[in-house]
Amino acid sequence: FRRYGDEAFSMYDMTMSSGIEATVETKTLGDKTKLLVLPIEFPDYPFESSALDDLDLALNGTKEEIGYWESVSSYFYKSSFGKLDMEFVMLDTYKTSDISYKELKNYNDSARLVVEGVNNHQNNHSDFKLSDYDQNKDTAIDGVIAIYSAPDNYNTTDPNIYGKEQFWAYTTSTGRFGTLDNPVVNKYFFSSIDFQTYTGASKADAHTYIHEMGHMLGLPDYYD
């Protein structure tokens, strides 16, 4: 884990956005839109043994496999009448080693983790090309789903997490762009693994992930 100072991210637009410009392109029927999934594991809150299998199910599974509702991919495939067919590609779990969840103080810190995690996977796999995940060729990765192992800021008594805005589910961007050969992390959503167990579903609950994916497609909140 490489430590960045705030100055390293000062040129990036890290403002929150619930209606970001869409970068996930609607493909022709039969084409896949590939998005990256980055599990982020803090040493003081390791993932449970089945959590990442359930995460893959919540993102890529069928309604029949989940046995409860839709996955993210099946929901958007059905709601787009087959025009948006998403595949979520799981990266290596990014283990922050000696970096505690307590050091996650703000949105810039979450951006550092996402950027470092994606770069870590790229450095460890010579055949992995980020350009394969920039399908609209705007020099930014089309989307990253970052799922962290700590609880969310509501369903916990941990004073270091409870009520802290950085421990929630949100969609934002770094404002960064790279090159066609080496696109970089821009749009991403950041969410606790706990959201997939909120309703007591037997395997995985994708409701929150579907909500955040809607933001990545450009949809605003309609809470009222």
Protein backbone atom coordinates (compact mmCIF):
# COMPACT_ATOMS: atom_id res chain seq x y z
CA PHE A 1 0.00 0.00 0.00
CA ARG A 2 1.53 3.28 -1.09
CA ARG A 3 0.73 6.37 0.93
CA TYR A 4 -0.26 9.49 -1.00
CA GLY A 5 -0.37 13.00 0.40
CA ASP A 6 -3.43 15.16 -0.18
CA GLU A 7 -1.47 17.17 -2.74
CA ALA A 8 -1.34 14.11 -4.99
CA PHE A 9 -5.11 14.28 -5.41
CA SER A 10 -5.63 18.02 -5.12
CA MET A 11 -6.07 18.42 -8.88
CA TYR A 12 -8.88 15.87 -9.01
CA ASP A 13 -12.54 16.68 -8.67
CA MET A 14 -13.63 14.56 -5.72
CA THR A 15 -17.03 16.17 -5.22
CA MET A 16 -19.95 13.88 -4.58
CA SER A 17 -22.33 13.25 -7.45
CA SER A 18 -25.59 11.33 -7.57
CA GLY A 19 -26.23 12.00 -11.25
CA ILE A 20 -22.84 11.55 -12.84
CA GLU A 21 -22.32 11.57 -16.58
CA ALA A 22 -22.73 8.02 -17.84
CA THR A 23 -19.63 6.20 -19.08
CA VAL A 24 -21.13 2.73 -19.24
CA GLU A 25 -22.11 2.55 -22.89
CA THR A 26 -25.26 0.80 -24.11
CA LYS A 27 -24.02 -1.88 -26.50
CA THR A 28 -25.73 -3.62 -29.36
CA LEU A 29 -27.60 -6.79 -28.49
CA GLY A 30 -25.20 -9.60 -27.60
CA ASP A 31 -22.24 -7.39 -26.63
CA LYS A 32 -20.97 -7.31 -23.06
CA THR A 33 -20.22 -4.17 -21.07
CA LYS A 34 -17.33 -5.15 -18.79
CA LEU A 35 -16.87 -3.43 -15.45
CA LEU A 36 -14.24 -4.01 -12.78
CA VAL A 37 -14.95 -5.15 -9.21
CA LEU A 38 -12.37 -4.38 -6.53
CA PRO A 39 -12.76 -6.00 -3.09
CA ILE A 40 -10.89 -3.97 -0.46
CA GLU A 41 -10.02 -5.81 2.74
CA PHE A 42 -8.98 -4.04 5.93
CA PRO A 43 -6.91 -6.19 8.35
CA ASP A 44 -9.19 -5.34 11.28
CA TYR A 45 -12.33 -6.28 9.32
CA PRO A 46 -11.50 -9.26 7.05
CA PHE A 47 -14.10 -10.57 4.62
CA GLU A 48 -16.12 -13.57 5.78
CA SER A 49 -15.33 -16.76 3.89
CA SER A 50 -18.38 -16.73 1.62
CA ALA A 51 -18.68 -12.95 1.20
CA LEU A 52 -16.89 -12.64 -2.15
CA ASP A 53 -18.73 -15.61 -3.67
CA ASP A 54 -21.97 -13.93 -2.62
CA LEU A 55 -20.73 -10.65 -4.07
CA ASP A 56 -20.09 -12.28 -7.43
CA LEU A 57 -23.59 -13.74 -7.28
CA ALA A 58 -25.12 -10.35 -6.43
CA LEU A 59 -23.38 -8.81 -9.44
CA ASN A 60 -23.40 -11.57 -12.07
CA GLY A 61 -25.95 -14.14 -10.94
CA THR A 62 -29.38 -14.99 -12.27
CA LYS A 63 -32.61 -14.52 -10.37
CA GLU A 64 -32.86 -18.29 -10.07
CA GLU A 65 -29.35 -18.58 -8.59
CA ILE A 66 -30.02 -15.86 -6.04
CA GLY A 67 -33.46 -17.19 -5.18
CA TYR A 68 -34.62 -13.81 -3.95
CA TRP A 69 -34.51 -10.97 -6.44
CA GLU A 70 -32.36 -9.84 -9.38
CA SER A 71 -28.60 -9.44 -9.57
CA VAL A 72 -27.15 -6.18 -10.88
CA SER A 73 -26.54 -7.67 -14.32
CA SER A 74 -29.93 -9.40 -14.60
CA TYR A 75 -31.78 -6.29 -13.39
CA PHE A 76 -30.26 -3.98 -15.98
CA TYR A 77 -30.46 -6.60 -18.72
CA LYS A 78 -34.20 -6.96 -18.15
CA SER A 79 -34.92 -3.27 -17.59
CA SER A 80 -33.04 -2.34 -20.81
CA PHE A 81 -34.90 -5.03 -22.80
CA GLY A 82 -31.65 -6.87 -23.44
CA LYS A 83 -29.62 -3.89 -24.65
CA LEU A 84 -27.38 -3.52 -21.58
CA ASP A 85 -25.59 -6.79 -20.84
CA MET A 86 -23.04 -6.25 -18.08
CA GLU A 87 -20.26 -8.53 -16.93
CA PHE A 88 -18.53 -7.78 -13.64
CA VAL A 89 -14.89 -8.86 -13.58
CA MET A 90 -13.50 -9.55 -10.12
CA LEU A 91 -9.99 -8.25 -9.43
CA ASP A 92 -7.64 -9.53 -6.76
CA THR A 93 -8.72 -8.56 -3.27
CA TYR A 94 -6.73 -5.49 -2.32
CA LYS A 95 -5.47 -6.14 1.19
CA THR A 96 -4.44 -2.93 2.87
CA SER A 97 -1.98 -4.80 5.12
CA ASP A 98 -1.11 -2.54 8.02
CA ILE A 99 -3.53 0.21 6.98
CA SER A 100 -6.49 0.20 9.35
CA TYR A 101 -10.00 1.22 8.34
CA LYS A 102 -9.54 3.99 10.91
CA GLU A 103 -7.25 5.77 8.46
CA LEU A 104 -10.11 6.19 5.97
CA LYS A 105 -11.05 9.77 6.82
CA ASN A 106 -12.72 11.17 3.69
CA TYR A 107 -13.61 10.62 0.04
CA ASN A 108 -10.05 11.28 -1.11
CA ASP A 109 -8.91 8.36 1.01
CA SER A 110 -11.41 6.05 -0.67
CA ALA A 111 -10.16 7.24 -4.07
CA ARG A 112 -6.59 6.38 -3.09
CA LEU A 113 -7.63 2.86 -2.16
CA VAL A 114 -9.50 2.30 -5.42
CA VAL A 115 -6.68 3.66 -7.59
CA GLU A 116 -4.05 1.68 -5.69
CA GLY A 117 -6.12 -1.50 -5.77
CA VAL A 118 -6.65 -1.40 -9.53
CA ASN A 119 -2.99 -0.58 -10.12
CA ASN A 120 -1.98 -3.43 -7.79
CA HIS A 121 -3.93 -5.93 -9.87
CA GLN A 122 -2.47 -4.57 -13.10
CA ASN A 123 1.08 -4.81 -11.72
CA ASN A 124 0.54 -8.44 -10.67
CA HIS A 125 -0.97 -9.65 -13.95
CA SER A 126 1.06 -8.96 -17.08
CA ASP A 127 -1.76 -10.07 -19.37
CA PHE A 128 -4.31 -7.74 -17.78
CA LYS A 129 -5.02 -4.66 -19.91
CA LEU A 130 -6.99 -1.73 -18.54
CA SER A 131 -7.71 -0.66 -22.11
CA ASP A 132 -10.07 -3.66 -22.33
CA TYR A 133 -12.27 -1.89 -19.78
CA ASP A 134 -12.45 1.45 -21.55
CA GLN A 135 -15.00 0.45 -24.14
CA ASN A 136 -16.08 3.98 -25.02
CA LYS A 137 -12.41 5.00 -25.51
CA ASP A 138 -12.53 8.15 -23.38
CA THR A 139 -9.23 7.21 -21.61
CA ALA A 140 -11.02 6.41 -18.33
CA ILE A 141 -12.03 2.95 -17.11
CA ASP A 142 -15.76 2.63 -17.73
CA GLY A 143 -16.53 1.87 -14.11
CA VAL A 144 -15.14 0.32 -10.92
CA ILE A 145 -17.25 -1.25 -8.19
CA ALA A 146 -15.21 -1.04 -4.97
CA ILE A 147 -16.54 -3.13 -2.08
CA TYR A 148 -14.87 -2.70 1.31
CA SER A 149 -14.87 -5.22 4.16
CA ALA A 150 -15.72 -2.87 7.04
CA PRO A 151 -19.34 -2.29 8.14
CA ASP A 152 -21.36 0.60 6.79
CA ASN A 153 -21.88 3.70 8.91
CA TYR A 154 -25.38 2.87 10.12
CA ASN A 155 -25.51 -0.78 11.18
CA THR A 156 -22.58 -0.73 13.59
CA THR A 157 -21.69 0.46 17.05
CA ASP A 158 -18.07 1.09 16.07
CA PRO A 159 -17.49 4.79 16.90
CA ASN A 160 -14.85 5.02 14.18
CA ILE A 161 -17.47 4.15 11.54
CA TYR A 162 -20.92 5.06 12.86
CA GLY A 163 -22.22 8.21 11.18
CA LYS A 164 -19.03 8.75 9.15
CA GLU A 165 -19.88 9.71 5.56
CA GLN A 166 -16.96 7.82 4.02
CA PHE A 167 -18.40 4.49 5.26
CA TRP A 168 -21.49 4.41 3.14
CA ALA A 169 -22.54 3.51 -0.39
CA TYR A 170 -21.88 6.32 -2.83
CA THR A 171 -20.93 7.00 -6.43
CA THR A 172 -18.33 9.58 -7.37
CA SER A 173 -15.38 10.19 -9.69
CA THR A 174 -11.75 11.18 -9.51
CA GLY A 175 -11.98 13.48 -12.54
CA ARG A 176 -8.93 11.72 -13.98
CA PHE A 177 -8.26 10.69 -17.57
CA GLY A 178 -5.30 8.75 -18.94
CA THR A 179 -4.47 7.53 -22.42
CA LEU A 180 -6.03 5.02 -24.79
CA ASP A 181 -3.31 2.51 -23.91
CA ASN A 182 -3.48 3.18 -20.18
CA PRO A 183 -6.89 4.45 -19.04
CA VAL A 184 -7.29 5.27 -15.35
CA VAL A 185 -9.89 5.10 -12.59
CA ASN A 186 -12.52 7.81 -12.91
CA LYS A 187 -16.11 6.79 -12.14
CA TYR A 188 -16.56 4.32 -9.30
CA PHE A 189 -18.90 3.41 -6.52
CA PHE A 190 -17.77 2.59 -3.00
CA SER A 191 -19.87 0.35 -0.79
CA SER A 192 -19.69 -1.90 2.24
CA ILE A 193 -19.99 -5.66 1.78
CA ASP A 194 -22.69 -5.51 4.46
CA PHE A 195 -25.22 -4.02 2.04
CA GLN A 196 -25.64 -7.39 0.35
CA THR A 197 -27.08 -8.90 3.57
CA TYR A 198 -29.46 -6.12 4.58
CA THR A 199 -32.76 -7.86 3.88
CA GLY A 200 -31.76 -11.23 5.22
CA ALA A 201 -31.69 -12.77 1.74
CA SER A 202 -30.47 -16.35 1.75
CA LYS A 203 -27.54 -15.65 -0.60
CA ALA A 204 -27.10 -12.07 -1.77
CA ASP A 205 -29.12 -8.88 -1.93
CA ALA A 206 -28.16 -6.58 -4.82
CA HIS A 207 -30.58 -3.69 -4.12
CA THR A 208 -27.93 -1.18 -3.00
CA TYR A 209 -25.51 -2.18 -5.75
CA ILE A 210 -28.27 -1.73 -8.34
CA HIS A 211 -29.00 1.71 -6.90
CA GLU A 212 -25.36 2.77 -7.16
CA MET A 213 -25.02 1.33 -10.67
CA GLY A 214 -27.96 3.54 -11.64
CA HIS A 215 -25.89 6.54 -10.52
CA MET A 216 -22.98 5.33 -12.64
CA LEU A 217 -25.37 5.36 -15.59
CA GLY A 218 -26.32 8.96 -14.81
CA LEU A 219 -29.50 8.55 -12.74
CA PRO A 220 -30.13 10.94 -9.80
CA ASP A 221 -31.71 10.08 -6.46
CA TYR A 222 -35.50 10.20 -6.14
CA TYR A 223 -35.93 9.75 -2.40
CA ASP A 224 -38.85 12.18 -2.08
